[in-house]
PDB file of N, CA and C in Angstrom:
ATOM      1  N   MET A   1       0.227  -1.652   0.026  1.00  0.00           N
ATOM      2  CA  MET A   1       0.314   0.103   0.005  1.00  0.00           C
ATOM      3  C   MET A   1       0.616   1.138   0.186  1.00  0.00           C
ATOM      4  N   SER A   2       1.579   0.737   0.034  1.00  0.00           N
ATOM      5  CA  SER A   2       3.048   1.975   0.405  1.00  0.00           C
ATOM      6  C   SER A   2       2.930   2.680  -1.176  1.00  0.00           C
ATOM      7  N   ASN A   3       2.994   2.197  -2.057  1.00  0.00           N
ATOM      8  CA  ASN A   3       3.536   2.536  -3.791  1.00  0.00           C
ATOM      9  C   ASN A   3       2.030   2.297  -4.196  1.00  0.00           C
ATOM     10  N   ALA A   4       0.930   1.999  -4.251  1.00  0.00           N
ATOM     11  CA  ALA A   4      -0.215   2.870  -4.689  1.00  0.00           C
ATOM     12  C   ALA A   4      -1.663   1.904  -4.063  1.00  0.00           C
ATOM     13  N   GLN A   5      -3.123   2.880  -4.264  1.00  0.00           N
ATOM     14  CA  GLN A   5      -4.052   3.013  -3.773  1.00  0.00           C
ATOM     15  C   GLN A   5      -5.170   2.120  -4.438  1.00  0.00           C
ATOM     16  N   SER A   6      -4.637   2.489  -6.196  1.00  0.00           N
ATOM     17  CA  SER A   6      -5.720   1.085  -6.870  1.00  0.00           C
ATOM     18  C   SER A   6      -5.093   0.155  -7.133  1.00  0.00           C
ATOM     19  N   PHE A   7      -5.869  -0.648  -7.042  1.00  0.00           N
ATOM     20  CA  PHE A   7      -5.482  -2.200  -7.568  1.00  0.00           C
ATOM     21  C   PHE A   7      -6.351  -2.651  -8.693  1.00  0.00           C
ATOM     22  N   ILE A   8      -5.536  -3.724  -9.429  1.00  0.00           N
ATOM     23  CA  ILE A   8      -7.439  -4.840  -9.884  1.00  0.00           C
ATOM     24  C   ILE A   8      -6.728  -6.118 -10.044  1.00  0.00           C
ATOM     25  N   CYS A   9      -7.932  -6.816  -9.106  1.00  0.00           N
ATOM     26  CA  CYS A   9      -7.406  -8.619  -9.101  1.00  0.00           C
ATOM     27  C   CYS A   9      -8.590  -9.427 -10.213  1.00  0.00           C
ATOM     28  N   THR A  10      -7.668  -9.786 -11.123  1.00  0.00           N
ATOM     29  CA  THR A  10      -8.465 -10.817 -12.457  1.00  0.00           C
ATOM     30  C   THR A  10      -8.477 -12.097 -11.447  1.00  0.00           C
ATOM     31  N   ALA A  11      -9.949 -12.593 -10.764  1.00  0.00           N
ATOM     32  CA  ALA A  11     -10.236 -13.417 -10.343  1.00  0.00           C
ATOM     33  C   ALA A  11     -10.344 -15.520 -11.600  1.00  0.00           C
ATOM     34  N   THR A  12      -8.556 -16.073 -11.320  1.00  0.00           N
ATOM     35  CA  THR A  12      -8.856 -16.737 -12.626  1.00  0.00           C
ATOM     36  C   THR A  12      -8.777 -18.515 -11.831  1.00  0.00           C
ATOM     37  N   GLU A  13      -9.403 -18.064 -10.199  1.00  0.00           N
ATOM     38  CA  GLU A  13      -9.664 -19.277  -9.307  1.00  0.00           C
ATOM     39  C   GLU A  13      -9.434 -18.794  -7.862  1.00  0.00           C
ATOM     40  N   ALA A  14     -10.702 -18.841  -7.184  1.00  0.00           N
ATOM     41  CA  ALA A  14     -12.015 -18.676  -5.760  1.00  0.00           C
ATOM     42  C   ALA A  14     -10.381 -17.784  -5.066  1.00  0.00           C
ATOM     43  N   ILE A  15     -10.897 -16.963  -4.586  1.00  0.00           N
ATOM     44  CA  ILE A  15     -10.005 -15.567  -3.693  1.00  0.00           C
ATOM     45  C   ILE A  15     -10.379 -15.954  -2.649  1.00  0.00           C
ATOM     46  N   THR A  16     -10.237 -16.772  -1.501  1.00  0.00           N
ATOM     47  CA  THR A  16     -10.062 -16.381   0.162  1.00  0.00           C
ATOM     48  C   THR A  16     -10.080 -15.764   0.936  1.00  0.00           C
ATOM     49  N   GLU A  17      -8.999 -15.203   0.318  1.00  0.00           N
ATOM     50  CA  GLU A  17      -8.634 -13.382   0.947  1.00  0.00           C
ATOM     51  C   GLU A  17      -7.192 -12.584   0.531  1.00  0.00           C
ATOM     52  N   PHE A  18      -7.480 -11.650   0.891  1.00  0.00           N
ATOM     53  CA  PHE A  18      -6.536 -10.057   0.682  1.00  0.00           C
ATOM     54  C   PHE A  18      -4.754 -10.293   1.443  1.00  0.00           C
ATOM     55  N   GLN A  19      -3.985  -9.967   0.956  1.00  0.00           N
ATOM     56  CA  GLN A  19      -3.453  -9.574   2.220  1.00  0.00           C
ATOM     57  C   GLN A  19      -2.994  -8.147   1.925  1.00  0.00           C
ATOM     58  N   LEU A  20      -3.218  -7.612   3.114  1.00  0.00           N
ATOM     59  CA  LEU A  20      -2.256  -5.924   2.876  1.00  0.00           C
ATOM     60  C   LEU A  20      -0.669  -5.976   2.992  1.00  0.00           C
ATOM     61  N   LEU A  21       0.242  -5.252   2.972  1.00  0.00           N
ATOM     62  CA  LEU A  21       1.433  -4.816   2.689  1.00  0.00           C
ATOM     63  C   LEU A  21       1.391  -3.418   3.244  1.00  0.00           C
ATOM     64  N   ASN A  22       2.385  -3.380   3.945  1.00  0.00           N
ATOM     65  CA  ASN A  22       2.627  -1.774   4.152  1.00  0.00           C
ATOM     66  C   ASN A  22       1.672  -0.904   4.134  1.00  0.00           C
ATOM     67  N   ILE A  23       1.165  -1.237   5.307  1.00  0.00           N
ATOM     68  CA  ILE A  23       0.057  -0.984   6.031  1.00  0.00           C
ATOM     69  C   ILE A  23      -0.152   0.303   6.614  1.00  0.00           C
ATOM     70  N   PRO A  24       0.037   2.146   5.864  1.00  0.00           N
ATOM     71  CA  PRO A  24       0.178   3.305   6.320  1.00  0.00           C
ATOM     72  C   PRO A  24      -0.189   3.607   7.766  1.00  0.00           C
ATOM     73  N   VAL A  25       0.542   3.726   9.161  1.00  0.00           N
ATOM     74  CA  VAL A  25      -0.254   4.296  10.692  1.00  0.00           C
ATOM     75  C   VAL A  25      -1.031   5.071  10.564  1.00  0.00           C
ATOM     76  N   ASP A  26      -1.411   5.482   9.708  1.00  0.00           N
ATOM     77  CA  ASP A  26      -1.993   6.681  10.013  1.00  0.00           C
ATOM     78  C   ASP A  26      -3.299   6.423   9.207  1.00  0.00           C
ATOM     79  N   SER A  27      -4.238   6.792   8.838  1.00  0.00           N
ATOM     80  CA  SER A  27      -5.159   6.812   8.260  1.00  0.00           C
ATOM     81  C   SER A  27      -5.126   7.158   6.381  1.00  0.00           C
ATOM     82  N   THR A  28      -5.472   6.163   5.840  1.00  0.00           N
ATOM     83  CA  THR A  28      -5.233   5.616   4.224  1.00  0.00           C
ATOM     84  C   THR A  28      -6.966   5.158   3.632  1.00  0.00           C
ATOM     85  N   SER A  29      -6.711   4.607   2.378  1.00  0.00           N
ATOM     86  CA  SER A  29      -8.082   4.767   1.902  1.00  0.00           C
ATOM     87  C   SER A  29      -7.661   3.610   0.386  1.00  0.00           C
ATOM     88  N   PHE A  30      -8.050   2.634   0.061  1.00  0.00           N
ATOM     89  CA  PHE A  30      -7.274   2.292  -1.703  1.00  0.00           C
ATOM     90  C   PHE A  30      -8.956   1.995  -1.564  1.00  0.00           C
ATOM     91  N   THR A  31      -8.626   0.907  -3.280  1.00  0.00           N
ATOM     92  CA  THR A  31      -9.544   0.868  -4.064  1.00  0.00           C
ATOM     93  C   THR A  31      -9.437  -0.319  -4.664  1.00  0.00           C
ATOM     94  N   ILE A  32     -10.380  -1.306  -4.502  1.00  0.00           N
ATOM     95  CA  ILE A  32      -9.580  -2.503  -5.796  1.00  0.00           C
ATOM     96  C   ILE A  32     -10.815  -3.359  -6.696  1.00  0.00           C
ATOM     97  N   ARG A  33     -10.560  -3.267  -7.928  1.00  0.00           N
ATOM     98  CA  ARG A  33     -11.092  -3.922  -9.013  1.00  0.00           C
ATOM     99  C   ARG A  33     -11.577  -4.989  -9.187  1.00  0.00           C
ATOM    100  N   VAL A  34     -12.413  -5.973  -9.023  1.00  0.00           N
ATOM    101  CA  VAL A  34     -12.393  -7.536  -9.041  1.00  0.00           C
ATOM    102  C   VAL A  34     -13.010  -7.899 -10.346  1.00  0.00           C
ATOM    103  N   ASP A  35     -12.015  -7.493 -11.111  1.00  0.00           N
ATOM    104  CA  ASP A  35     -12.482  -8.628 -12.328  1.00  0.00           C
ATOM    105  C   ASP A  35     -13.246 -10.413 -12.922  1.00  0.00           C
ATOM    106  N   GLN A  36     -14.335 -10.716 -13.181  1.00  0.00           N
ATOM    107  CA  GLN A  36     -14.034 -12.193 -13.514  1.00  0.00           C
ATOM    108  C   GLN A  36     -13.286 -12.487 -14.868  1.00  0.00           C
ATOM    109  N   ASP A  37     -13.027 -13.309 -15.456  1.00  0.00           N
ATOM    110  CA  ASP A  37     -12.700 -13.863 -16.314  1.00  0.00           C
ATOM    111  C   ASP A  37     -13.148 -14.510 -16.842  1.00  0.00           C
ATOM    112  N   THR A  38     -12.386 -15.437 -18.155  1.00  0.00           N
ATOM    113  CA  THR A  38     -13.573 -15.434 -19.622  1.00  0.00           C
ATOM    114  C   THR A  38     -14.364 -16.662 -18.775  1.00  0.00           C
ATOM    115  N   THR A  39     -14.163 -17.169 -17.706  1.00  0.00           N
ATOM    116  CA  THR A  39     -14.482 -18.747 -17.503  1.00  0.00           C
ATOM    117  C   THR A  39     -15.818 -18.160 -15.924  1.00  0.00           C
ATOM    118  N   GLY A  40     -15.215 -17.055 -15.129  1.00  0.00           N
ATOM    119  CA  GLY A  40     -16.485 -16.302 -14.513  1.00  0.00           C
ATOM    120  C   GLY A  40     -16.325 -17.421 -13.272  1.00  0.00           C
ATOM    121  N   SER A  41     -17.555 -17.153 -12.568  1.00  0.00           N
ATOM    122  CA  SER A  41     -17.953 -18.164 -11.486  1.00  0.00           C
ATOM    123  C   SER A  41     -17.190 -18.948 -10.407  1.00  0.00           C
ATOM    124  N   TRP A  42     -16.155 -17.627 -10.680  1.00  0.00           N
ATOM    125  CA  TRP A  42     -15.049 -17.334  -9.626  1.00  0.00           C
ATOM    126  C   TRP A  42     -15.311 -16.663  -7.562  1.00  0.00           C
ATOM    127  N   GLY A  43     -15.558 -17.796  -6.668  1.00  0.00           N
ATOM    128  CA  GLY A  43     -16.441 -16.465  -6.109  1.00  0.00           C
ATOM    129  C   GLY A  43     -14.540 -15.672  -4.890  1.00  0.00           C
ATOM    130  N   VAL A  44     -15.632 -14.477  -4.346  1.00  0.00           N
ATOM    131  CA  VAL A  44     -14.289 -13.841  -4.412  1.00  0.00           C
ATOM    132  C   VAL A  44     -14.582 -13.745  -2.758  1.00  0.00           C
ATOM    133  N   GLY A  45     -13.873 -13.406  -1.138  1.00  0.00           N
ATOM    134  CA  GLY A  45     -14.030 -13.561   0.265  1.00  0.00           C
ATOM    135  C   GLY A  45     -13.345 -11.825  -0.059  1.00  0.00           C
ATOM    136  N   ILE A  46     -14.478 -10.827  -0.465  1.00  0.00           N
ATOM    137  CA  ILE A  46     -14.461  -9.213  -0.286  1.00  0.00           C
ATOM    138  C   ILE A  46     -14.709  -9.485   0.998  1.00  0.00           C
ATOM    139  N   ASP A  47     -14.724 -10.138   1.828  1.00  0.00           N
ATOM    140  CA  ASP A  47     -14.572  -9.196   3.469  1.00  0.00           C
ATOM    141  C   ASP A  47     -13.713  -9.962   4.621  1.00  0.00           C
ATOM    142  N   THR A  48     -12.321 -10.507   3.891  1.00  0.00           N
ATOM    143  CA  THR A  48     -11.700 -11.061   4.294  1.00  0.00           C
ATOM    144  C   THR A  48     -10.176 -11.016   3.721  1.00  0.00           C
ATOM    145  N   PHE A  49      -9.401  -9.943   4.540  1.00  0.00           N
ATOM    146  CA  PHE A  49      -8.118  -9.598   4.731  1.00  0.00           C
ATOM    147  C   PHE A  49      -7.603  -9.086   6.051  1.00  0.00           C
ATOM    148  N   LYS A  50      -5.950 -10.014   6.267  1.00  0.00           N
ATOM    149  CA  LYS A  50      -5.034 -10.294   6.531  1.00  0.00           C
ATOM    150  C   LYS A  50      -3.912  -9.191   6.488  1.00  0.00           C
ATOM    151  N   ASN A  51      -3.177  -8.467   7.291  1.00  0.00           N
ATOM    152  CA  ASN A  51      -1.792  -7.894   7.425  1.00  0.00           C
ATOM    153  C   ASN A  51      -0.560  -9.136   6.689  1.00  0.00           C
ATOM    154  N   LEU A  52       0.342  -8.689   6.908  1.00  0.00           N
ATOM    155  CA  LEU A  52       1.903  -9.270   6.458  1.00  0.00           C
ATOM    156  C   LEU A  52       1.649 -10.552   8.110  1.00  0.00           C
ATOM    157  N   GLY A  53       0.896  -9.923   8.671  1.00  0.00           N
ATOM    158  CA  GLY A  53       1.457 -11.568  10.296  1.00  0.00           C
ATOM    159  C   GLY A  53       0.417 -12.050  10.092  1.00  0.00           C
ATOM    160  N   GLY A  54      -0.664 -11.768   9.122  1.00  0.00           N
ATOM    161  CA  GLY A  54      -1.245 -12.947   8.507  1.00  0.00           C
ATOM    162  C   GLY A  54      -2.665 -13.106  10.341  1.00  0.00           C
ATOM    163  N   ASN A  55      -3.063 -12.170  10.787  1.00  0.00           N
ATOM    164  CA  ASN A  55      -3.497 -11.709  11.636  1.00  0.00           C
ATOM    165  C   ASN A  55      -5.106 -10.820  10.228  1.00  0.00           C
ATOM    166  N   THR A  56      -5.728 -11.553  10.651  1.00  0.00           N
ATOM    167  CA  THR A  56      -7.673 -10.945   9.934  1.00  0.00           C
ATOM    168  C   THR A  56      -7.551  -9.789  10.511  1.00  0.00           C
ATOM    169  N   ILE A  57      -8.043  -8.992   9.690  1.00  0.00           N
ATOM    170  CA  ILE A  57      -8.290  -7.305   9.830  1.00  0.00           C
ATOM    171  C   ILE A  57     -10.262  -7.313   9.832  1.00  0.00           C
ATOM    172  N   PRO A  58     -10.559  -6.858  10.330  1.00  0.00           N
ATOM    173  CA  PRO A  58     -12.070  -6.860  10.674  1.00  0.00           C
ATOM    174  C   PRO A  58     -12.607  -5.852   9.341  1.00  0.00           C
ATOM    175  N   VAL A  59     -13.968  -6.690   8.474  1.00  0.00           N
ATOM    176  CA  VAL A  59     -14.351  -5.147   7.163  1.00  0.00           C
ATOM    177  C   VAL A  59     -15.640  -5.184   7.939  1.00  0.00           C
ATOM    178  N   TYR A  60     -16.116  -3.523   8.418  1.00  0.00           N
ATOM    179  CA  TYR A  60     -17.151  -3.159   8.851  1.00  0.00           C
ATOM    180  C   TYR A  60     -18.131  -2.299   7.014  1.00  0.00           C
ATOM    181  N   TRP A  61     -18.912  -3.007   6.983  1.00  0.00           N
ATOM    182  CA  TRP A  61     -20.027  -3.025   6.068  1.00  0.00           C
ATOM    183  C   TRP A  61     -20.901  -1.950   5.929  1.00  0.00           C
ATOM    184  N   PRO A  62     -22.297  -1.197   5.292  1.00  0.00           N
ATOM    185  CA  PRO A  62     -23.036  -0.638   5.929  1.00  0.00           C
ATOM    186  C   PRO A  62     -24.222  -1.526   5.940  1.00  0.00           C
ATOM    187  N   GLY A  63     -24.954  -0.915   7.581  1.00  0.00           N
ATOM    188  CA  GLY A  63     -25.945  -1.800   7.358  1.00  0.00           C
ATOM    189  C   GLY A  63     -24.630  -3.632   7.920  1.00  0.00           C
ATOM    190  N   ALA A  64     -23.991  -3.823   8.295  1.00  0.00           N
ATOM    191  CA  ALA A  64     -24.084  -4.593   8.424  1.00  0.00           C
ATOM    192  C   ALA A  64     -23.232  -5.950   7.396  1.00  0.00           C
ATOM    193  N   VAL A  65     -23.808  -5.429   6.561  1.00  0.00           N
ATOM    194  CA  VAL A  65     -24.059  -6.946   4.377  1.00  0.00           C
ATOM    195  C   VAL A  65     -23.125  -6.388   4.151  1.00  0.00           C
ATOM    196  N   VAL A  66     -22.788  -7.334   3.992  1.00  0.00           N
ATOM    197  CA  VAL A  66     -20.824  -8.278   3.952  1.00  0.00           C
ATOM    198  C   VAL A  66     -21.853  -8.227   2.428  1.00  0.00           C
ATOM    199  N   PRO A  67     -21.699  -7.432   1.311  1.00  0.00           N
ATOM    200  CA  PRO A  67     -21.346  -7.343  -0.478  1.00  0.00           C
ATOM    201  C   PRO A  67     -21.271  -9.223  -1.099  1.00  0.00           C
ATOM    202  N   ILE A  68     -21.897  -9.501  -2.314  1.00  0.00           N
ATOM    203  CA  ILE A  68     -22.543 -11.013  -3.076  1.00  0.00           C
ATOM    204  C   ILE A  68     -20.629 -10.562  -4.008  1.00  0.00           C
ATOM    205  N   VAL A  69     -19.280 -11.103  -4.502  1.00  0.00           N
ATOM    206  CA  VAL A  69     -19.433 -10.170  -5.310  1.00  0.00           C
ATOM    207  C   VAL A  69     -19.662 -11.147  -6.617  1.00  0.00           C
ATOM    208  N   THR A  70     -19.664 -10.186  -7.134  1.00  0.00           N
ATOM    209  CA  THR A  70     -20.853 -10.065  -9.254  1.00  0.00           C
ATOM    210  C   THR A  70     -19.232 -11.861  -9.347  1.00  0.00           C
ATOM    211  N   THR A  71     -19.689 -12.840 -10.369  1.00  0.00           N
ATOM    212  CA  THR A  71     -19.574 -13.952 -10.482  1.00  0.00           C
ATOM    213  C   THR A  71     -19.752 -14.101 -11.900  1.00  0.00           C
ATOM    214  N   THR A  72     -20.146 -13.595 -13.164  1.00  0.00           N
ATOM    215  CA  THR A  72     -20.388 -12.937 -14.504  1.00  0.00           C
ATOM    216  C   THR A  72     -19.551 -13.116 -14.779  1.00  0.00           C
ATOM    217  N   ALA A  73     -18.808 -13.465 -15.826  1.00  0.00           N
ATOM    218  CA  ALA A  73     -17.990 -13.823 -16.972  1.00  0.00           C
ATOM    219  C   ALA A  73     -18.165 -12.666 -17.600  1.00  0.00           C
ATOM    220  N   SER A  74     -16.161 -12.176 -17.245  1.00  0.00           N
ATOM    221  CA  SER A  74     -16.316 -10.944 -18.430  1.00  0.00           C
ATOM    222  C   SER A  74     -16.965  -9.562 -17.206  1.00  0.00           C
ATOM    223  N   LYS A  75     -17.175 -10.138 -15.893  1.00  0.00           N
ATOM    224  CA  LYS A  75     -17.693  -8.294 -14.673  1.00  0.00           C
ATOM    225  C   LYS A  75     -16.226  -8.078 -14.672  1.00  0.00           C
ATOM    226  N   SER A  76     -17.143  -6.470 -13.601  1.00  0.00           N
ATOM    227  CA  SER A  76     -16.501  -6.517 -12.688  1.00  0.00           C
ATOM    228  C   SER A  76     -17.010  -5.515 -11.505  1.00  0.00           C
ATOM    229  N   ASP A  77     -16.397  -5.390 -10.101  1.00  0.00           N
ATOM    230  CA  ASP A  77     -17.015  -4.778  -9.466  1.00  0.00           C
ATOM    231  C   ASP A  77     -15.516  -4.144  -8.963  1.00  0.00           C
ATOM    232  N   VAL A  78     -16.109  -2.845  -7.777  1.00  0.00           N
ATOM    233  CA  VAL A  78     -15.961  -2.012  -7.861  1.00  0.00           C
ATOM    234  C   VAL A  78     -15.448  -2.315  -5.726  1.00  0.00           C
ATOM    235  N   TYR A  79     -14.788  -2.062  -4.815  1.00  0.00           N
ATOM    236  CA  TYR A  79     -15.113  -2.080  -3.852  1.00  0.00           C
ATOM    237  C   TYR A  79     -13.695  -1.259  -3.292  1.00  0.00           C
ATOM    238  N   SER A  80     -14.303   0.151  -2.601  1.00  0.00           N
ATOM    239  CA  SER A  80     -13.295   1.229  -1.528  1.00  0.00           C
ATOM    240  C   SER A  80     -12.830   0.904   0.090  1.00  0.00           C
ATOM    241  N   PHE A  81     -12.032   1.240   0.436  1.00  0.00           N
ATOM    242  CA  PHE A  81     -12.042   1.121   1.417  1.00  0.00           C
ATOM    243  C   PHE A  81     -11.575   2.223   2.219  1.00  0.00           C
ATOM    244  N   LYS A  82     -11.613   1.564   4.040  1.00  0.00           N
ATOM    245  CA  LYS A  82     -11.001   3.225   4.555  1.00  0.00           C
ATOM    246  C   LYS A  82     -10.581   2.580   5.846  1.00  0.00           C
ATOM    247  N   ILE A  83      -8.787   3.038   5.989  1.00  0.00           N
ATOM    248  CA  ILE A  83      -8.618   2.247   7.652  1.00  0.00           C
ATOM    249  C   ILE A  83      -8.272   4.208   8.080  1.00  0.00           C
ATOM    250  N   PHE A  84      -9.192   4.067   9.281  1.00  0.00           N
ATOM    251  CA  PHE A  84      -8.991   5.390   9.884  1.00  0.00           C
ATOM    252  C   PHE A  84      -7.226   5.040  10.976  1.00  0.00           C
ATOM    253  N   ASN A  85      -6.796   3.907  11.565  1.00  0.00           N
ATOM    254  CA  ASN A  85      -5.923   3.901  12.246  1.00  0.00           C
ATOM    255  C   ASN A  85      -4.935   2.065  11.861  1.00  0.00           C
ATOM    256  N   GLY A  86      -3.874   3.020  10.217  1.00  0.00           N
ATOM    257  CA  GLY A  86      -3.487   1.340  10.198  1.00  0.00           C
ATOM    258  C   GLY A  86      -2.792   0.936  11.365  1.00  0.00           C
ATOM    259  N   SER A  87      -2.275   1.994  12.354  1.00  0.00           N
ATOM    260  CA  SER A  87      -0.911   1.107  13.556  1.00  0.00           C
ATOM    261  C   SER A  87      -1.641   0.130  14.814  1.00  0.00           C
ATOM    262  N   SER A  88      -2.991   0.357  14.591  1.00  0.00           N
ATOM    263  CA  SER A  88      -4.409  -0.583  15.010  1.00  0.00           C
ATOM    264  C   SER A  88      -5.294  -1.174  14.496  1.00  0.00           C
ATOM    265  N   ILE A  89      -5.272  -1.827  13.225  1.00  0.00           N
ATOM    266  CA  ILE A  89      -6.514  -2.009  12.147  1.00  0.00           C
ATOM    267  C   ILE A  89      -6.210  -3.264  12.336  1.00  0.00           C
ATOM    268  N   THR A  90      -5.674  -4.101  12.836  1.00  0.00           N
ATOM    269  CA  THR A  90      -6.077  -5.776  13.220  1.00  0.00           C
ATOM    270  C   THR A  90      -7.181  -5.590  14.831  1.00  0.00           C
ATOM    271  N   SER A  91      -7.924  -4.740  15.186  1.00  0.00           N
ATOM    272  CA  SER A  91      -8.334  -4.737  16.456  1.00  0.00           C
ATOM    273  C   SER A  91      -9.372  -3.386  16.339  1.00  0.00           C
ATOM    274  N   VAL A  92      -8.808  -2.770  15.378  1.00  0.00           N
ATOM    275  CA  VAL A  92     -10.760  -1.234  14.982  1.00  0.00           C
ATOM    276  C   VAL A  92     -10.902  -1.773  13.394  1.00  0.00           C
ATOM    277  N   GLY A  93      -9.640  -2.069  12.509  1.00  0.00           N
ATOM    278  CA  GLY A  93     -10.223  -2.924  11.941  1.00  0.00           C
ATOM    279  C   GLY A  93     -10.137  -1.708  10.377  1.00  0.00           C
ATOM    280  N   MET A  94     -11.202  -1.556   9.403  1.00  0.00           N
ATOM    281  CA  MET A  94     -11.484  -0.483   8.592  1.00  0.00           C
ATOM    282  C   MET A  94     -13.186  -0.432   7.729  1.00  0.00           C
ATOM    283  N   TYR A  95     -13.848   0.191   6.868  1.00  0.00           N
ATOM    284  CA  TYR A  95     -14.228  -0.118   6.524  1.00  0.00           C
ATOM    285  C   TYR A  95     -14.496   0.246   5.151  1.00  0.00           C
ATOM    286  N   GLY A  96     -15.488  -0.688   4.720  1.00  0.00           N
ATOM    287  CA  GLY A  96     -15.655  -0.916   2.996  1.00  0.00           C
ATOM    288  C   GLY A  96     -16.873  -0.673   2.257  1.00  0.00           C
ATOM    289  N   VAL A  97     -16.612   0.817   0.930  1.00  0.00           N
ATOM    290  CA  VAL A  97     -18.253   0.551   0.416  1.00  0.00           C
ATOM    291  C   VAL A  97     -17.958  -0.505  -0.872  1.00  0.00           C
ATOM    292  N   ILE A  98     -19.487   0.075  -1.963  1.00  0.00           N
ATOM    293  CA  ILE A  98     -19.534  -0.608  -3.139  1.00  0.00           C
ATOM    294  C   ILE A  98     -19.667   0.006  -3.705  1.00  0.00           C
ATOM    295  N   GLY A  99     -18.069   0.323  -5.190  1.00  0.00           N
ATOM    296  CA  GLY A  99     -18.107   1.827  -5.977  1.00  0.00           C
ATOM    297  C   GLY A  99     -18.873   0.804  -6.292  1.00  0.00           C
ATOM    298  N   GLY A 100     -19.757  -0.171  -7.062  1.00  0.00           N
ATOM    299  CA  GLY A 100     -19.737   0.226  -8.319  1.00  0.00           C
ATOM    300  C   GLY A 100     -20.112  -1.761  -8.489  1.00  0.00           C
ATOM    301  N   GLN A 101     -21.345  -2.491  -8.899  1.00  0.00           N
ATOM    302  CA  GLN A 101     -21.316  -3.889  -9.327  1.00  0.00           C
ATOM    303  C   GLN A 101     -21.700  -3.894 -10.632  1.00  0.00           C
ATOM    304  N   ASN A 102     -21.132  -5.805 -11.154  1.00  0.00           N
ATOM    305  CA  ASN A 102     -21.896  -6.334 -12.221  1.00  0.00           C
ATOM    306  C   ASN A 102     -21.584  -5.030 -13.922  1.00  0.00           C
ATOM    307  N   TYR A 103     -20.445  -4.333 -13.549  1.00  0.00           N
ATOM    308  CA  TYR A 103     -19.891  -4.035 -14.948  1.00  0.00           C
ATOM    309  C   TYR A 103     -18.966  -4.372 -16.040  1.00  0.00           C
ATOM    310  N   GLY A 104     -19.413  -4.275 -16.992  1.00  0.00           N
ATOM    311  CA  GLY A 104     -18.993  -4.969 -17.944  1.00  0.00           C
ATOM    312  C   GLY A 104     -19.331  -4.299 -19.516  1.00  0.00           C
TER     313      GLY A 104
END
């Protein structure tokens, strides 16, 4: 995260978790575009994040509803995340929002 805040992830198999590296100690945000390959049907654990040490990072969603990632072939979803305290992220977590789904 020290080099970029926008990422593209193409699902070519099921994605069970994301690992965050170089998390700033202060406030930051980042965005992930999740693309399904031409096969599609890949599940994506958009709610499962860990730090470099393998510790779980809680993600809070509006209404406590975890979004279901689009699995249609060649479609994309966009998700953004806000971190208010990177030095304590495994205890205070981060906030996720849906930027849009089923782009294609």
